[in-house]
Protein backbone atom coordinates (compact mmCIF):
# COMPACT_ATOMS: atom_id res chain seq x y z
CA MET A 1 88.68 75.69 86.56
CA LYS A 2 87.28 79.45 86.25
CA SER A 3 85.50 78.09 89.99
CA MET A 4 88.54 77.38 91.51
CA ILE A 5 90.30 80.95 90.84
CA CYS A 6 87.53 82.26 91.77
CA LYS A 7 87.78 80.73 95.25
CA GLN A 8 91.60 81.35 95.73
CA VAL A 9 91.61 85.04 95.18
CA LEU A 10 88.72 85.35 97.32
CA ARG A 11 90.10 83.27 100.13
CA SER A 12 93.43 85.42 99.65
CA ASN A 13 91.07 88.37 99.62
CA ARG A 14 95.21 90.35 99.13
CA PHE A 15 94.69 91.70 94.85
CA PHE A 16 93.15 94.32 94.84
CA CYS A 17 92.07 97.44 96.50
CA THR A 18 90.88 101.19 94.32
CA ASN A 19 89.47 103.20 97.76
CA GLY A 20 92.72 103.03 99.52
CA VAL A 21 90.55 101.55 102.93
CA ARG A 22 92.30 98.77 104.72
CA SER A 23 90.86 97.21 107.73
CA ARG A 24 94.67 95.57 108.42
CA ARG A 25 97.69 95.13 107.13
CA ASN A 26 98.78 94.01 103.91
CA ALA A 27 101.27 90.83 103.46
CA PRO A 28 102.94 89.43 100.28
CA LEU A 29 100.65 86.34 98.81
CA SER A 30 102.65 83.34 100.79
CA GLY A 31 103.61 80.35 98.87
CA ASN A 32 101.68 78.13 101.13
CA GLU A 33 97.83 80.28 99.71
CA MET A 34 99.10 80.12 96.17
CA PRO A 35 101.74 78.29 94.45
CA ARG A 36 104.64 81.15 93.72
CA SER A 37 104.26 80.26 89.77
CA GLY A 38 100.68 81.53 89.95
CA GLY A 39 98.94 84.61 91.44
CA ILE A 40 98.54 87.98 89.75
CA ALA A 41 102.43 89.45 89.11
CA SER A 42 102.61 92.20 91.20
CA MET A 43 104.99 93.10 93.21
CA MET A 44 106.15 90.42 95.75
CA ARG A 45 102.16 89.42 94.76
CA LEU A 46 101.32 92.78 97.42
CA PRO A 47 97.97 94.16 96.56
CA VAL A 48 96.92 96.52 94.00
CA GLN A 49 96.30 99.92 94.56
CA GLU A 50 94.92 102.35 92.36
CA ASN A 51 96.97 105.51 94.52
CA THR A 52 98.41 105.67 97.26
CA ASP A 53 95.36 105.95 100.02
CA GLY A 54 96.24 104.83 103.39
CA LEU A 55 99.98 103.69 102.60
CA ASP A 56 103.36 104.22 104.09
CA VAL A 57 105.38 102.86 101.32
CA CYS A 58 104.48 101.64 97.65
CA PHE A 59 106.32 100.20 94.69
CA VAL A 60 105.76 101.69 91.85
CA GLY A 61 107.00 101.39 88.05
CA VAL A 62 108.12 103.87 85.42
CA PRO A 63 108.46 101.70 82.54
CA LEU A 64 110.76 104.52 80.22
CA ASP A 65 113.56 103.68 77.98
CA SER A 66 113.44 106.65 75.71
CA GLY A 67 116.82 108.51 77.58
CA THR A 68 118.52 105.02 77.03
CA SER A 69 122.18 105.53 74.45
CA ILE A 70 122.81 102.09 73.58
CA LYS A 71 120.87 98.86 74.62
CA SER A 72 117.20 100.05 75.25
CA GLY A 73 114.59 97.57 76.58
CA THR A 74 114.28 99.14 80.32
CA ARG A 75 110.88 100.21 79.94
CA PHE A 76 110.25 96.41 80.43
CA GLY A 77 112.22 96.40 83.59
CA PRO A 78 109.28 97.14 85.81
CA ARG A 79 106.99 93.85 84.13
CA GLN A 80 110.76 92.23 84.55
CA ILE A 81 111.14 93.02 88.26
CA ARG A 82 107.85 92.02 89.40
CA GLN A 83 107.90 88.86 88.27
CA GLU A 84 111.05 87.66 89.63
CA SER A 85 109.69 88.78 92.62
CA CYS A 86 107.26 86.11 93.32
CA ALA A 87 109.87 83.95 95.09
CA ILE A 88 110.62 86.80 97.81
CA ARG A 89 109.66 85.81 101.29
CA SER A 90 107.97 88.64 103.79
CA ALA A 91 110.69 88.83 106.46
CA HIS A 92 114.45 89.59 106.78
CA TYR A 93 116.34 87.44 109.13
CA ASP A 94 119.70 89.14 108.60
CA LEU A 95 118.27 92.25 109.74
CA GLY A 96 115.56 91.04 112.01
CA ALA A 97 112.67 92.79 110.12
CA VAL A 98 108.86 91.76 109.20
CA PRO A 99 108.53 94.70 107.39
CA PHE A 100 104.58 94.15 106.26
CA GLU A 101 104.00 94.35 110.26
CA ASP A 102 105.05 97.70 110.62
CA VAL A 103 103.87 99.26 107.42
CA GLN A 104 100.91 99.16 105.07
CA VAL A 105 102.53 99.11 101.56
CA ALA A 106 101.19 97.90 97.89
CA ASP A 107 101.57 97.73 94.56
CA VAL A 108 100.41 101.15 92.58
CA GLY A 109 100.99 100.03 89.20
CA ASP A 110 103.07 102.01 86.45
CA VAL A 111 103.18 106.15 85.52
CA SER A 112 101.95 106.69 82.43
CA MET A 113 103.62 108.36 80.29
CA ASN A 114 104.45 109.74 76.27
CA ILE A 115 107.14 107.40 75.79
CA TYR A 116 108.06 109.68 72.53
CA ASN A 117 108.31 112.63 73.78
CA LEU A 118 111.10 112.68 76.75
CA PRO A 119 110.72 116.49 77.96
CA GLU A 120 107.07 115.71 78.44
CA ALA A 121 107.32 112.62 79.76
CA VAL A 122 109.70 114.29 82.49
CA LYS A 123 106.55 116.74 83.38
CA GLN A 124 104.01 113.33 83.99
CA ILE A 125 106.66 111.31 85.80
CA LYS A 126 106.87 114.53 88.00
CA ALA A 127 103.34 115.23 88.05
CA ALA A 128 102.96 111.39 89.29
CA TYR A 129 105.43 111.20 92.29
CA ASP A 130 104.18 114.91 93.50
CA LYS A 131 100.38 112.61 94.19
CA LEU A 132 102.04 109.97 95.21
CA ILE A 133 104.17 111.27 98.17
CA SER A 134 101.58 113.78 98.95
CA ASN A 135 100.77 112.01 101.53
CA GLY A 136 104.24 111.35 102.79
CA CYS A 137 103.93 107.72 101.42
CA VAL A 138 107.57 106.52 100.59
CA PRO A 139 107.65 104.83 96.73
CA LEU A 140 110.04 102.31 95.68
CA THR A 141 110.66 103.17 92.52
CA MET A 142 111.09 100.35 89.39
CA GLY A 143 112.88 101.49 86.09
CA GLY A 144 112.87 102.59 83.66
CA ASP A 145 116.28 104.36 82.57
CA HIS A 146 118.20 106.50 84.73
CA THR A 147 116.22 109.13 83.14
CA ILE A 148 113.42 109.05 85.41
CA THR A 149 115.29 110.26 88.40
CA TYR A 150 115.47 113.37 87.63
CA PRO A 151 111.82 114.33 87.61
CA ILE A 152 111.21 111.57 91.41
CA LEU A 153 113.79 114.02 92.78
CA GLN A 154 112.18 117.07 91.39
CA ALA A 155 109.42 115.68 93.48
CA MET A 156 111.59 115.09 96.20
CA LYS A 157 112.49 118.28 96.70
CA ASP A 158 108.95 120.12 96.55
CA LYS A 159 107.81 118.32 98.76
CA HIS A 160 111.11 117.74 101.26
CA GLY A 161 113.09 120.56 100.28
CA PRO A 162 117.05 119.41 99.35
CA VAL A 163 117.65 115.50 99.60
CA GLY A 164 120.75 113.58 100.32
CA LEU A 165 121.88 111.05 97.53
CA ILE A 166 123.20 107.61 98.08
CA LEU A 167 123.64 106.75 94.12
CA LEU A 168 125.50 103.64 93.61
CA ASP A 169 126.29 104.11 89.13
CA ALA A 170 129.14 103.08 87.07
CA HIS A 171 128.71 106.36 85.91
CA PRO A 172 128.31 109.95 87.15
CA ASP A 173 124.95 110.91 85.19
CA THR A 174 125.88 114.42 85.41
CA GLN A 175 126.60 115.34 81.94
CA ASP A 176 125.26 118.39 80.05
CA THR A 177 123.69 117.33 76.78
CA MET A 178 123.76 114.14 75.03
CA LEU A 179 123.54 114.56 71.70
CA GLY A 180 122.20 118.19 72.84
CA ALA A 181 119.78 116.89 74.66
CA SER A 182 119.51 118.06 78.35
CA ILE A 183 117.38 115.56 79.07
CA ALA A 184 118.55 112.26 78.45
CA HIS A 185 119.56 109.24 81.35
CA GLY A 186 122.56 110.15 81.47
CA THR A 187 122.12 113.72 82.42
CA PRO A 188 119.70 113.31 85.68
CA PHE A 189 121.99 115.00 88.71
CA ARG A 190 123.12 117.88 86.44
CA ARG A 191 119.77 118.67 86.29
CA ALA A 192 118.60 117.77 89.60
CA VAL A 193 121.65 120.13 91.09
CA GLU A 194 120.35 122.57 88.54
CA TYR A 195 116.75 122.60 89.90
CA GLY A 196 118.13 122.84 93.71
CA CYS A 197 117.04 118.95 94.36
CA LEU A 198 120.08 117.71 96.11
CA ASP A 199 121.74 118.91 99.33
CA CYS A 200 125.21 118.41 97.31
CA THR A 201 127.21 118.16 100.54
CA ARG A 202 125.02 114.92 101.10
CA VAL A 203 125.78 112.83 97.98
CA VAL A 204 127.59 110.26 97.84
CA GLN A 205 128.26 108.14 94.01
CA ILE A 206 129.90 104.93 95.34
CA GLY A 207 130.97 102.45 92.37
CA LEU A 208 131.79 104.91 89.10
CA ASN A 209 133.83 102.33 86.90
CA GLY A 210 134.50 102.00 83.48
CA SER A 211 135.58 103.72 80.39
CA VAL A 212 135.29 107.57 80.30
CA ASN A 213 134.60 110.65 77.39
CA SER A 214 137.78 112.57 79.28
CA LEU A 215 139.61 112.26 82.71
CA ASP A 216 137.54 115.35 84.23
CA ASP A 217 134.37 113.21 83.81
CA TYR A 218 133.83 112.90 87.46
CA LYS A 219 135.29 116.67 87.70
CA TRP A 220 131.50 118.37 87.58
CA GLY A 221 130.67 116.26 90.19
CA LEU A 222 133.65 116.89 92.48
CA ASP A 223 132.98 120.33 92.05
CA GLN A 224 129.53 120.53 93.36
CA GLY A 225 130.59 118.72 96.40
CA PHE A 226 129.81 115.06 95.76
CA ARG A 227 131.84 112.88 97.72
CA VAL A 228 132.95 110.41 94.56
CA VAL A 229 133.86 106.27 95.39
CA THR A 230 135.04 104.38 92.20
CA ALA A 231 134.83 100.96 91.93
CA LYS A 232 138.13 100.35 91.88
CA GLU A 233 138.53 101.59 95.58
CA CYS A 234 136.08 99.29 96.88
CA TRP A 235 137.80 96.03 95.10
CA HIS A 236 138.62 93.54 98.04
CA LYS A 237 136.67 95.35 100.85
CA SER A 238 134.08 95.37 102.97
CA LEU A 239 131.90 99.16 102.57
CA GLU A 240 130.50 98.84 106.12
CA PRO A 241 133.78 101.51 106.89
CA LEU A 242 132.45 103.31 104.13
CA MET A 243 128.82 103.44 104.98
CA ALA A 244 129.55 104.25 108.25
CA GLU A 245 131.33 107.30 107.08
CA VAL A 246 128.24 107.87 104.90
CA ARG A 247 125.72 107.95 107.75
CA GLY A 248 128.09 110.89 109.10
CA MET A 249 127.71 112.66 106.46
CA MET A 250 123.64 112.03 105.54
CA GLY A 251 122.80 113.04 109.18
CA GLN A 252 119.19 113.42 110.22
CA GLY A 253 118.21 115.39 106.63
CA PRO A 254 116.01 113.37 104.26
CA VAL A 255 117.85 110.99 101.69
CA TYR A 256 116.94 109.44 98.30
CA ILE A 257 118.56 105.94 97.30
CA SER A 258 119.49 105.09 93.87
CA PHE A 259 120.58 102.31 92.78
CA ASP A 260 121.54 102.00 89.16
CA ILE A 261 121.62 98.07 88.55
CA ASP A 262 125.28 98.58 85.83
CA ALA A 263 127.14 99.47 89.69
CA LEU A 264 127.18 95.66 89.80
CA ASP A 265 129.62 93.73 87.71
CA PRO A 266 127.65 92.19 84.52
CA SER A 267 128.88 88.65 86.13
CA TYR A 268 125.90 89.81 88.54
CA ALA A 269 123.79 91.72 86.31
CA PRO A 270 124.07 91.32 83.41
CA GLY A 271 120.85 92.57 81.77
CA THR A 272 121.25 96.45 81.43
CA GLY A 273 122.44 98.33 78.87
CA GLY A 274 126.22 100.25 80.15
CA PRO A 275 127.73 97.37 81.67
CA GLU A 276 130.98 98.05 82.94
CA ILE A 277 133.54 94.94 84.43
CA GLY A 278 135.34 95.37 87.44
CA GLY A 279 131.79 96.38 89.22
CA LEU A 280 130.39 95.73 92.69
CA THR A 281 129.53 92.47 94.12
CA THR A 282 126.14 91.45 95.48
CA CYS A 283 127.78 91.46 98.91
CA GLN A 284 128.96 95.16 98.69
CA ALA A 285 125.35 95.84 97.39
CA LEU A 286 123.58 95.04 100.23
CA GLU A 287 126.16 96.57 102.80
CA VAL A 288 125.72 99.99 101.18
CA LEU A 289 121.67 99.17 101.88
CA ARG A 290 122.13 97.63 105.20
CA GLY A 291 124.51 100.40 105.76
CA ALA A 292 121.45 102.72 105.31
CA ALA A 293 119.24 101.53 108.18
CA ASP A 294 118.20 104.09 110.05
CA LEU A 295 119.20 107.06 107.75
CA ASN A 296 115.45 109.53 106.65
CA ILE A 297 115.10 108.02 104.04
CA VAL A 298 112.21 109.29 101.67
CA GLY A 299 112.50 107.41 97.80
CA CYS A 300 114.53 104.90 96.43
CA ASP A 301 114.56 103.63 93.22
CA VAL A 302 116.02 100.77 91.19
CA VAL A 303 116.59 101.37 87.84
CA GLU A 304 118.39 100.70 83.90
CA VAL A 305 117.17 96.85 83.83
CA SER A 306 116.96 95.91 80.60
CA PRO A 307 115.03 92.41 80.28
CA PRO A 308 115.61 91.48 76.45
CA TYR A 309 119.99 91.27 77.69
CA ASP A 310 118.57 89.57 80.71
CA MET A 311 118.33 85.87 79.49
CA ALA A 312 117.81 84.06 82.77
CA GLY A 313 116.13 87.02 84.66
CA THR A 314 119.19 87.15 86.86
CA THR A 315 119.32 90.66 87.07
CA ALA A 316 115.81 91.57 87.44
CA MET A 317 115.55 89.02 90.16
CA THR A 318 118.20 90.94 91.72
CA ALA A 319 116.60 94.30 91.19
CA ALA A 320 113.37 92.87 92.82
CA ASN A 321 115.72 91.81 96.33
CA LEU A 322 117.56 94.89 95.97
CA LEU A 323 114.02 96.96 96.68
CA PHE A 324 113.12 94.62 99.29
CA GLU A 325 115.92 95.04 100.81
CA MET A 326 115.12 99.07 100.33
CA LEU A 327 111.62 98.54 102.23
CA CYS A 328 113.44 96.92 105.65
CA ILE A 329 116.11 99.65 106.32
CA LEU A 330 112.79 102.59 105.60
CA PRO A 331 112.50 104.50 108.70
CA GLY A 332 109.36 102.48 110.69
CA ILE A 333 110.78 99.06 110.29
CA LYS A 334 111.38 97.28 113.73
CA ARG A 335 115.04 95.36 114.17
CA ARG A 336 113.03 92.07 116.05
CA HIS A 337 116.78 90.70 116.47
């Protein structure tokens, strides 16, 4: 048995690389090389690499849930997303994209941080992303709670300057504090504005929904210049017209996409800490992401997947597919039809 496994690994030649040197582009391990129930559970069963040397794009996990206010468990999100990603194939018919022929991609593992000290963890995440993106690599991040987006945006700002933001979320996440703490999953975008991470004229929040602390919950973002699109405004309609407006709003500047899985109705994504009924559909989510194709996207994340509340793996499976969609809309990915 040991000999058989070794032969499979050697034949695929796609599992591990530590020096960043490549003679050809990476590709996911296909179901014809290894049954999809087997293989190492990297994102899409791609090679695992210790850094971003030689990479155009990386998948990276941030297993943090110290910032959650209820129903923790998102620290297990990256692991479960990777597990569910084994079923994703390498080409995207609707977009005419074969991303692994156009860019070099690998899974660079997870960011290590102090999960017992949230302010310290934020600093460690920022430092990790400073290194990940130093060569221009585009990170596609698996969360983790939404706290993680703040230090990622700090790194983006230091690399690219203030970025535009396309946020899909049931909640604005612009609180000043939560129980007196300035760092939590309900505060990242207020902190990001304070740090100068965002070009507030190019920020759109899509899918805001559910009960609120007060009728002024969206006011702070509106006062900064954010465009707010509630879930109710999206009911029973295509979001393609909205995304035509968003593309004009974003222009040619750098853009970051953050997708809190609770933007989706819990019938699609029950495994999250703050589900809100009446959310977006998965088809609308695809319209938003595909509508962002050809923008100058410098990074993306999918956050707040909580496997303990995801009994059938549906939420993690959805997140894995959203990350593949994000890969397929990045700059440099050709449209073949």
